[in-house]
Amino acid sequence: MRREKPVGHREVPAFFYLCGIQTVPMVLADKKSIMLKVVLRIVIYGLIMVMLNQLMFIDAGQQGQEMKFMESTFTEWTQQLILLIMTAIFAHCSFHFTSFQCLSVLLAGMSAIGLVREFNNFFNSQIFDGAWQLLALVVLFITAVLIRKYQRFFWDDLKDFQGTLSFGFMLAGFLTTFIFSRLFGRTVFWEALMEERYFRSVKNAAEEGVELLGYGLLLVATVEYFLLARSKNKQGDGISP
């Protein structure tokens, strides 16, 4: 059952709500405390974007056009690391927080499947061809079993989650990574743009850069999700399994 919000909490202005600050005690809701949280988000998330850009700059310095932005690069490794971090955080939330429990299981499963997909070449070459699909199906099955356990809470979780800062970042990251970057990286587009001056490394850099930006947004969304789930859990707004 859903629990009522503790007495002594109130909604903060819309600007701060968009920054993930939803309810705070009246006594502590001073301007300095709220502004500090906003500034910290801008600084930390800005540094993440700078770091991601710097990693692409390192990959751009690789010798030889054929070596730029291929499989074994800092860009690819960072994408895999972000998926691993996302899987770990969502799994932690599903086991330790009653808030968004069903949603946490779903997001952990999706992140894990994405991570398996990133290692498809490794699994296919080191185990057997098609191994990554089999492993992804195993993860999908486990996720489905766990979701079924908490399915009665799914729609309530989604209703609460869809208006949060984390949801906005997650939606933007998903659309950027899995839709826009794929369309933006089409060879036919870059051949039409560059004509006889077409270089595959330029096309790869553009596609991987947009994809990495999307993963960066997903990482920010995951951090915000953790903070939100932990906050709701402490306030007693979670669900009872």
C-alpha atoms as a PDB file:
ATOM      1  CA  MET A   1       0.000   0.000   0.000  1.00  0.00           C
ATOM      2  CA  ARG A   2       1.090   3.577  -0.675  1.00  0.00           C
ATOM      3  CA  ARG A   3       1.957   5.569   2.388  1.00  0.00           C
ATOM      4  CA  GLU A   4       1.031   9.178   2.970  1.00  0.00           C
ATOM      5  CA  LYS A   5       3.772  11.797   2.778  1.00  0.00           C
ATOM      6  CA  PRO A   6       5.097  12.795   6.184  1.00  0.00           C
ATOM      7  CA  VAL A   7       3.622  15.897   7.768  1.00  0.00           C
ATOM      8  CA  GLY A   8       5.888  18.920   7.567  1.00  0.00           C
ATOM      9  CA  HIS A   9       6.830  18.475   3.881  1.00  0.00           C
ATOM     10  CA  ARG A  10       5.706  20.713   1.059  1.00  0.00           C
ATOM     11  CA  GLU A  11       6.209  20.955  -2.673  1.00  0.00           C
ATOM     12  CA  VAL A  12       9.017  23.256  -3.766  1.00  0.00           C
ATOM     13  CA  PRO A  13       8.834  25.646  -6.784  1.00  0.00           C
ATOM     14  CA  ALA A  14       8.670  24.093 -10.260  1.00  0.00           C
ATOM     15  CA  PHE A  15      12.229  25.103 -11.185  1.00  0.00           C
ATOM     16  CA  PHE A  16      13.706  23.132  -8.312  1.00  0.00           C
ATOM     17  CA  TYR A  17      11.294  20.253  -8.928  1.00  0.00           C
ATOM     18  CA  LEU A  18      12.832  19.920 -12.394  1.00  0.00           C
ATOM     19  CA  CYS A  19      16.211  19.646 -10.679  1.00  0.00           C
ATOM     20  CA  GLY A  20      15.008  16.619  -8.751  1.00  0.00           C
ATOM     21  CA  ILE A  21      14.177  18.421  -5.506  1.00  0.00           C
ATOM     22  CA  GLN A  22      10.564  17.439  -4.879  1.00  0.00           C
ATOM     23  CA  THR A  23       9.728  17.626  -1.185  1.00  0.00           C
ATOM     24  CA  VAL A  24      11.840  18.972   1.655  1.00  0.00           C
ATOM     25  CA  PRO A  25      11.083  19.724   5.302  1.00  0.00           C
ATOM     26  CA  MET A  26       9.710  23.234   5.761  1.00  0.00           C
ATOM     27  CA  VAL A  27      12.348  24.005   8.359  1.00  0.00           C
ATOM     28  CA  LEU A  28      15.207  23.125   5.989  1.00  0.00           C
ATOM     29  CA  ALA A  29      13.737  24.525   2.770  1.00  0.00           C
ATOM     30  CA  ASP A  30      15.960  27.584   2.737  1.00  0.00           C
ATOM     31  CA  LYS A  31      17.176  29.153  -0.463  1.00  0.00           C
ATOM     32  CA  LYS A  32      20.857  28.408   0.127  1.00  0.00           C
ATOM     33  CA  SER A  33      20.279  24.683   0.641  1.00  0.00           C
ATOM     34  CA  ILE A  34      18.132  24.379  -2.482  1.00  0.00           C
ATOM     35  CA  MET A  35      20.479  26.456  -4.632  1.00  0.00           C
ATOM     36  CA  LEU A  36      23.452  24.380  -3.468  1.00  0.00           C
ATOM     37  CA  LYS A  37      21.782  21.216  -4.765  1.00  0.00           C
ATOM     38  CA  VAL A  38      21.075  22.886  -8.099  1.00  0.00           C
ATOM     39  CA  VAL A  39      24.650  24.159  -8.469  1.00  0.00           C
ATOM     40  CA  LEU A  40      26.112  20.775  -7.484  1.00  0.00           C
ATOM     41  CA  ARG A  41      24.075  19.080 -10.200  1.00  0.00           C
ATOM     42  CA  ILE A  42      25.225  21.572 -12.820  1.00  0.00           C
ATOM     43  CA  VAL A  43      28.886  21.181 -11.820  1.00  0.00           C
ATOM     44  CA  ILE A  44      28.945  17.388 -11.447  1.00  0.00           C
ATOM     45  CA  TYR A  45      26.942  16.607 -14.562  1.00  0.00           C
ATOM     46  CA  GLY A  46      28.894  19.211 -16.498  1.00  0.00           C
ATOM     47  CA  LEU A  47      32.148  17.520 -15.494  1.00  0.00           C
ATOM     48  CA  ILE A  48      30.770  14.186 -16.697  1.00  0.00           C
ATOM     49  CA  MET A  49      30.093  15.708 -20.127  1.00  0.00           C
ATOM     50  CA  VAL A  50      33.575  17.235 -20.242  1.00  0.00           C
ATOM     51  CA  MET A  51      35.129  13.866 -19.373  1.00  0.00           C
ATOM     52  CA  LEU A  52      33.164  12.083 -22.098  1.00  0.00           C
ATOM     53  CA  ASN A  53      34.259  14.666 -24.648  1.00  0.00           C
ATOM     54  CA  GLN A  54      37.884  14.319 -23.575  1.00  0.00           C
ATOM     55  CA  LEU A  55      37.740  10.537 -24.055  1.00  0.00           C
ATOM     56  CA  MET A  56      36.591  11.092 -27.635  1.00  0.00           C
ATOM     57  CA  PHE A  57      39.479  13.501 -28.145  1.00  0.00           C
ATOM     58  CA  ILE A  58      41.872  10.737 -27.053  1.00  0.00           C
ATOM     59  CA  ASP A  59      40.329   8.298 -29.537  1.00  0.00           C
ATOM     60  CA  ALA A  60      40.600  10.912 -32.297  1.00  0.00           C
ATOM     61  CA  GLY A  61      44.375  10.926 -31.769  1.00  0.00           C
ATOM     62  CA  GLN A  62      44.748   7.247 -32.689  1.00  0.00           C
ATOM     63  CA  GLN A  63      47.138   6.640 -35.565  1.00  0.00           C
ATOM     64  CA  GLY A  64      45.582   5.583 -38.862  1.00  0.00           C
ATOM     65  CA  GLN A  65      42.096   6.296 -40.151  1.00  0.00           C
ATOM     66  CA  GLU A  66      41.056   2.650 -39.783  1.00  0.00           C
ATOM     67  CA  MET A  67      41.831   2.685 -36.022  1.00  0.00           C
ATOM     68  CA  LYS A  68      39.672   5.673 -35.092  1.00  0.00           C
ATOM     69  CA  PHE A  69      36.466   4.968 -33.149  1.00  0.00           C
ATOM     70  CA  MET A  70      36.444   1.232 -33.701  1.00  0.00           C
ATOM     71  CA  GLU A  71      35.572  -1.490 -31.157  1.00  0.00           C
ATOM     72  CA  SER A  72      38.582  -1.284 -28.811  1.00  0.00           C
ATOM     73  CA  THR A  73      38.499   2.414 -27.950  1.00  0.00           C
ATOM     74  CA  PHE A  74      37.954   4.533 -24.864  1.00  0.00           C
ATOM     75  CA  THR A  75      34.576   5.537 -26.280  1.00  0.00           C
ATOM     76  CA  GLU A  76      33.379   1.922 -26.516  1.00  0.00           C
ATOM     77  CA  TRP A  77      34.841   0.983 -23.136  1.00  0.00           C
ATOM     78  CA  THR A  78      33.123   3.969 -21.522  1.00  0.00           C
ATOM     79  CA  GLN A  79      29.772   2.958 -22.987  1.00  0.00           C
ATOM     80  CA  GLN A  80      30.222  -0.536 -21.574  1.00  0.00           C
ATOM     81  CA  LEU A  81      31.254   0.873 -18.187  1.00  0.00           C
ATOM     82  CA  ILE A  82      28.175   3.104 -18.062  1.00  0.00           C
ATOM     83  CA  LEU A  83      25.912   0.125 -18.785  1.00  0.00           C
ATOM     84  CA  LEU A  84      27.644  -1.825 -16.020  1.00  0.00           C
ATOM     85  CA  ILE A  85      27.163   1.039 -13.554  1.00  0.00           C
ATOM     86  CA  MET A  86      23.505   1.372 -14.555  1.00  0.00           C
ATOM     87  CA  THR A  87      22.916  -2.356 -14.069  1.00  0.00           C
ATOM     88  CA  ALA A  88      24.559  -2.293 -10.639  1.00  0.00           C
ATOM     89  CA  ILE A  89      22.633   0.786  -9.433  1.00  0.00           C
ATOM     90  CA  PHE A  90      19.239  -0.432 -10.618  1.00  0.00           C
ATOM     91  CA  ALA A  91      19.889  -3.882  -9.130  1.00  0.00           C
ATOM     92  CA  HIS A  92      20.885  -2.245  -5.833  1.00  0.00           C
ATOM     93  CA  CYS A  93      17.678  -0.205  -5.837  1.00  0.00           C
ATOM     94  CA  SER A  94      15.550  -3.290  -6.524  1.00  0.00           C
ATOM     95  CA  PHE A  95      17.049  -5.192  -3.582  1.00  0.00           C
ATOM     96  CA  HIS A  96      17.433  -2.414  -0.995  1.00  0.00           C
ATOM     97  CA  PHE A  97      14.592   0.056  -1.678  1.00  0.00           C
ATOM     98  CA  THR A  98      10.881  -0.679  -1.636  1.00  0.00           C
ATOM     99  CA  SER A  99      10.280   2.440  -3.746  1.00  0.00           C
ATOM    100  CA  PHE A 100      10.005   1.690  -7.471  1.00  0.00           C
ATOM    101  CA  GLN A 101      10.915  -1.954  -6.844  1.00  0.00           C
ATOM    102  CA  CYS A 102       9.249  -3.351  -9.964  1.00  0.00           C
ATOM    103  CA  LEU A 103      10.605  -0.517 -12.099  1.00  0.00           C
ATOM    104  CA  SER A 104      14.108  -1.058 -10.718  1.00  0.00           C
ATOM    105  CA  VAL A 105      14.006  -4.727 -11.726  1.00  0.00           C
ATOM    106  CA  LEU A 106      12.892  -3.819 -15.241  1.00  0.00           C
ATOM    107  CA  LEU A 107      15.573  -1.158 -15.689  1.00  0.00           C
ATOM    108  CA  ALA A 108      18.279  -3.442 -14.262  1.00  0.00           C
ATOM    109  CA  GLY A 109      17.272  -6.162 -16.720  1.00  0.00           C
ATOM    110  CA  MET A 110      17.257  -3.782 -19.694  1.00  0.00           C
ATOM    111  CA  SER A 111      20.665  -2.395 -18.744  1.00  0.00           C
ATOM    112  CA  ALA A 112      22.082  -5.908 -18.332  1.00  0.00           C
ATOM    113  CA  ILE A 113      20.776  -6.953 -21.756  1.00  0.00           C
ATOM    114  CA  GLY A 114      22.340  -3.828 -23.266  1.00  0.00           C
ATOM    115  CA  LEU A 115      25.643  -4.720 -21.598  1.00  0.00           C
ATOM    116  CA  VAL A 116      25.523  -8.259 -22.994  1.00  0.00           C
ATOM    117  CA  ARG A 117      24.826  -6.797 -26.439  1.00  0.00           C
ATOM    118  CA  GLU A 118      27.910  -4.576 -26.179  1.00  0.00           C
ATOM    119  CA  PHE A 119      30.054  -7.712 -25.673  1.00  0.00           C
ATOM    120  CA  ASN A 120      28.468  -9.650 -28.536  1.00  0.00           C
ATOM    121  CA  ASN A 121      31.738 -10.015 -30.450  1.00  0.00           C
ATOM    122  CA  PHE A 122      33.524 -11.362 -27.375  1.00  0.00           C
ATOM    123  CA  PHE A 123      30.828 -13.918 -26.558  1.00  0.00           C
ATOM    124  CA  ASN A 124      30.492 -15.041 -30.172  1.00  0.00           C
ATOM    125  CA  SER A 125      34.247 -15.473 -30.654  1.00  0.00           C
ATOM    126  CA  GLN A 126      35.218 -16.872 -27.247  1.00  0.00           C
ATOM    127  CA  ILE A 127      32.216 -19.119 -26.532  1.00  0.00           C
ATOM    128  CA  PHE A 128      30.132 -19.873 -29.642  1.00  0.00           C
ATOM    129  CA  ASP A 129      28.308 -17.988 -32.350  1.00  0.00           C
ATOM    130  CA  GLY A 130      25.024 -16.711 -30.943  1.00  0.00           C
ATOM    131  CA  ALA A 131      26.158 -16.970 -27.314  1.00  0.00           C
ATOM    132  CA  TRP A 132      25.227 -13.374 -26.565  1.00  0.00           C
ATOM    133  CA  GLN A 133      21.630 -13.946 -27.721  1.00  0.00           C
ATOM    134  CA  LEU A 134      21.342 -16.955 -25.412  1.00  0.00           C
ATOM    135  CA  LEU A 135      22.748 -15.012 -22.465  1.00  0.00           C
ATOM    136  CA  ALA A 136      20.418 -12.100 -23.212  1.00  0.00           C
ATOM    137  CA  LEU A 137      17.443 -14.477 -23.207  1.00  0.00           C
ATOM    138  CA  VAL A 138      18.532 -15.837 -19.817  1.00  0.00           C
ATOM    139  CA  VAL A 139      18.695 -12.292 -18.406  1.00  0.00           C
ATOM    140  CA  LEU A 140      15.311 -11.524 -19.963  1.00  0.00           C
ATOM    141  CA  PHE A 141      13.771 -14.628 -18.386  1.00  0.00           C
ATOM    142  CA  ILE A 142      15.130 -13.785 -14.919  1.00  0.00           C
ATOM    143  CA  THR A 143      13.890 -10.207 -15.280  1.00  0.00           C
ATOM    144  CA  ALA A 144      10.420 -11.375 -16.309  1.00  0.00           C
ATOM    145  CA  VAL A 145      10.192 -13.724 -13.313  1.00  0.00           C
ATOM    146  CA  LEU A 146      11.146 -10.935 -10.893  1.00  0.00           C
ATOM    147  CA  ILE A 147       8.812  -8.425 -12.541  1.00  0.00           C
ATOM    148  CA  ARG A 148       5.941 -10.854 -12.159  1.00  0.00           C
ATOM    149  CA  LYS A 149       6.587 -10.892  -8.412  1.00  0.00           C
ATOM    150  CA  TYR A 150       6.110  -7.119  -8.133  1.00  0.00           C
ATOM    151  CA  GLN A 151       3.836  -6.496 -11.143  1.00  0.00           C
ATOM    152  CA  ARG A 152       0.915  -5.180  -9.052  1.00  0.00           C
ATOM    153  CA  PHE A 153       3.019  -2.118  -8.226  1.00  0.00           C
ATOM    154  CA  PHE A 154       4.235  -1.401 -11.770  1.00  0.00           C
ATOM    155  CA  TRP A 155       1.629   1.148 -12.875  1.00  0.00           C
ATOM    156  CA  ASP A 156       1.787   3.058  -9.607  1.00  0.00           C
ATOM    157  CA  ASP A 157       5.580   3.139  -9.882  1.00  0.00           C
ATOM    158  CA  LEU A 158       5.404   4.365 -13.483  1.00  0.00           C
ATOM    159  CA  LYS A 159       2.837   7.021 -12.601  1.00  0.00           C
ATOM    160  CA  ASP A 160       5.097   8.396  -9.856  1.00  0.00           C
ATOM    161  CA  PHE A 161       8.247   8.134 -11.967  1.00  0.00           C
ATOM    162  CA  GLN A 162       7.098   9.694 -15.249  1.00  0.00           C
ATOM    163  CA  GLY A 163       7.025  13.220 -13.826  1.00  0.00           C
ATOM    164  CA  THR A 164      10.538  13.205 -12.353  1.00  0.00           C
ATOM    165  CA  LEU A 165      13.851  14.641 -13.483  1.00  0.00           C
ATOM    166  CA  SER A 166      15.250  11.121 -13.827  1.00  0.00           C
ATOM    167  CA  PHE A 167      12.518  10.148 -16.276  1.00  0.00           C
ATOM    168  CA  GLY A 168      13.251  13.202 -18.428  1.00  0.00           C
ATOM    169  CA  PHE A 169      16.966  12.402 -18.598  1.00  0.00           C
ATOM    170  CA  MET A 170      16.229   8.715 -19.216  1.00  0.00           C
ATOM    171  CA  LEU A 171      13.843   9.420 -22.075  1.00  0.00           C
ATOM    172  CA  ALA A 172      16.278  11.876 -23.669  1.00  0.00           C
ATOM    173  CA  GLY A 173      19.155   9.420 -23.285  1.00  0.00           C
ATOM    174  CA  PHE A 174      17.174   6.529 -24.736  1.00  0.00           C
ATOM    175  CA  LEU A 175      16.014   8.509 -27.774  1.00  0.00           C
ATOM    176  CA  THR A 176      19.515   9.887 -28.369  1.00  0.00           C
ATOM    177  CA  THR A 177      21.342   6.560 -27.980  1.00  0.00           C
ATOM    178  CA  PHE A 178      19.048   4.063 -29.630  1.00  0.00           C
ATOM    179  CA  ILE A 179      17.197   6.121 -32.235  1.00  0.00           C
ATOM    180  CA  PHE A 180      18.866   9.394 -33.208  1.00  0.00           C
ATOM    181  CA  SER A 181      22.469   8.106 -33.160  1.00  0.00           C
ATOM    182  CA  ARG A 182      21.524   5.141 -35.376  1.00  0.00           C
ATOM    183  CA  LEU A 183      19.857   7.388 -37.931  1.00  0.00           C
ATOM    184  CA  PHE A 184      22.596  10.015 -37.685  1.00  0.00           C
ATOM    185  CA  GLY A 185      25.270   7.368 -38.317  1.00  0.00           C
ATOM    186  CA  ARG A 186      23.819   5.997 -41.554  1.00  0.00           C
ATOM    187  CA  THR A 187      26.528   5.617 -44.188  1.00  0.00           C
ATOM    188  CA  VAL A 188      24.230   6.840 -46.962  1.00  0.00           C
ATOM    189  CA  PHE A 189      23.747  10.133 -45.100  1.00  0.00           C
ATOM    190  CA  TRP A 190      27.472  10.764 -44.693  1.00  0.00           C
ATOM    191  CA  GLU A 191      28.255   9.752 -48.273  1.00  0.00           C
ATOM    192  CA  ALA A 192      25.652  12.253 -49.478  1.00  0.00           C
ATOM    193  CA  LEU A 193      27.075  14.930 -47.176  1.00  0.00           C
ATOM    194  CA  MET A 194      30.807  14.444 -47.879  1.00  0.00           C
ATOM    195  CA  GLU A 195      30.552  13.068 -51.439  1.00  0.00           C
ATOM    196  CA  GLU A 196      34.029  12.160 -52.769  1.00  0.00           C
ATOM    197  CA  ARG A 197      35.645  13.420 -49.543  1.00  0.00           C
ATOM    198  CA  TYR A 198      33.891  10.723 -47.472  1.00  0.00           C
ATOM    199  CA  PHE A 199      35.942   9.333 -44.578  1.00  0.00           C
ATOM    200  CA  ARG A 200      34.508   6.537 -42.497  1.00  0.00           C
ATOM    201  CA  SER A 201      36.355   7.769 -39.401  1.00  0.00           C
ATOM    202  CA  VAL A 202      34.425  11.056 -39.541  1.00  0.00           C
ATOM    203  CA  LYS A 203      31.158   9.160 -39.791  1.00  0.00           C
ATOM    204  CA  ASN A 204      32.179   6.873 -36.908  1.00  0.00           C
ATOM    205  CA  ALA A 205      33.215   9.830 -34.743  1.00  0.00           C
ATOM    206  CA  ALA A 206      29.885  11.571 -35.265  1.00  0.00           C
ATOM    207  CA  GLU A 207      27.833   8.445 -34.585  1.00  0.00           C
ATOM    208  CA  GLU A 208      29.838   7.340 -31.551  1.00  0.00           C
ATOM    209  CA  GLY A 209      29.880  10.880 -30.178  1.00  0.00           C
ATOM    210  CA  VAL A 210      26.105  11.188 -30.275  1.00  0.00           C
ATOM    211  CA  GLU A 211      25.769   7.686 -28.817  1.00  0.00           C
ATOM    212  CA  LEU A 212      28.180   8.514 -26.008  1.00  0.00           C
ATOM    213  CA  LEU A 213      26.196  11.674 -25.251  1.00  0.00           C
ATOM    214  CA  GLY A 214      23.099   9.506 -24.953  1.00  0.00           C
ATOM    215  CA  TYR A 215      24.859   7.157 -22.567  1.00  0.00           C
ATOM    216  CA  GLY A 216      25.974  10.162 -20.536  1.00  0.00           C
ATOM    217  CA  LEU A 217      22.354  11.277 -20.212  1.00  0.00           C
ATOM    218  CA  LEU A 218      21.379   7.747 -19.166  1.00  0.00           C
ATOM    219  CA  LEU A 219      24.098   7.806 -16.514  1.00  0.00           C
ATOM    220  CA  VAL A 220      22.762  11.097 -15.139  1.00  0.00           C
ATOM    221  CA  ALA A 221      19.247   9.619 -15.191  1.00  0.00           C
ATOM    222  CA  THR A 222      20.478   6.604 -13.230  1.00  0.00           C
ATOM    223  CA  VAL A 223      22.106   8.764 -10.557  1.00  0.00           C
ATOM    224  CA  GLU A 224      18.923  10.820 -10.236  1.00  0.00           C
ATOM    225  CA  TYR A 225      16.888   7.617 -10.060  1.00  0.00           C
ATOM    226  CA  PHE A 226      19.003   6.347  -7.174  1.00  0.00           C
ATOM    227  CA  LEU A 227      18.634   9.641  -5.288  1.00  0.00           C
ATOM    228  CA  LEU A 228      14.889   9.660  -5.893  1.00  0.00           C
ATOM    229  CA  ALA A 229      14.346   6.047  -4.820  1.00  0.00           C
ATOM    230  CA  ARG A 230      16.469   6.513  -1.709  1.00  0.00           C
ATOM    231  CA  SER A 231      14.649   9.718  -0.781  1.00  0.00           C
ATOM    232  CA  LYS A 232      11.198   8.164  -1.202  1.00  0.00           C
ATOM    233  CA  ASN A 233      12.311   5.140   0.748  1.00  0.00           C
ATOM    234  CA  LYS A 234      13.465   7.317   3.663  1.00  0.00           C
ATOM    235  CA  GLN A 235      10.271   9.358   3.597  1.00  0.00           C
ATOM    236  CA  GLY A 236       8.145   6.215   3.712  1.00  0.00           C
ATOM    237  CA  ASP A 237       6.557   6.755   0.289  1.00  0.00           C
ATOM    238  CA  GLY A 238       7.657   3.347  -0.880  1.00  0.00           C
ATOM    239  CA  ILE A 239       5.541   0.262  -1.402  1.00  0.00           C
ATOM    240  CA  SER A 240       5.128  -2.679   0.848  1.00  0.00           C
ATOM    241  CA  PRO A 241       6.093  -5.934  -0.853  1.00  0.00           C
END
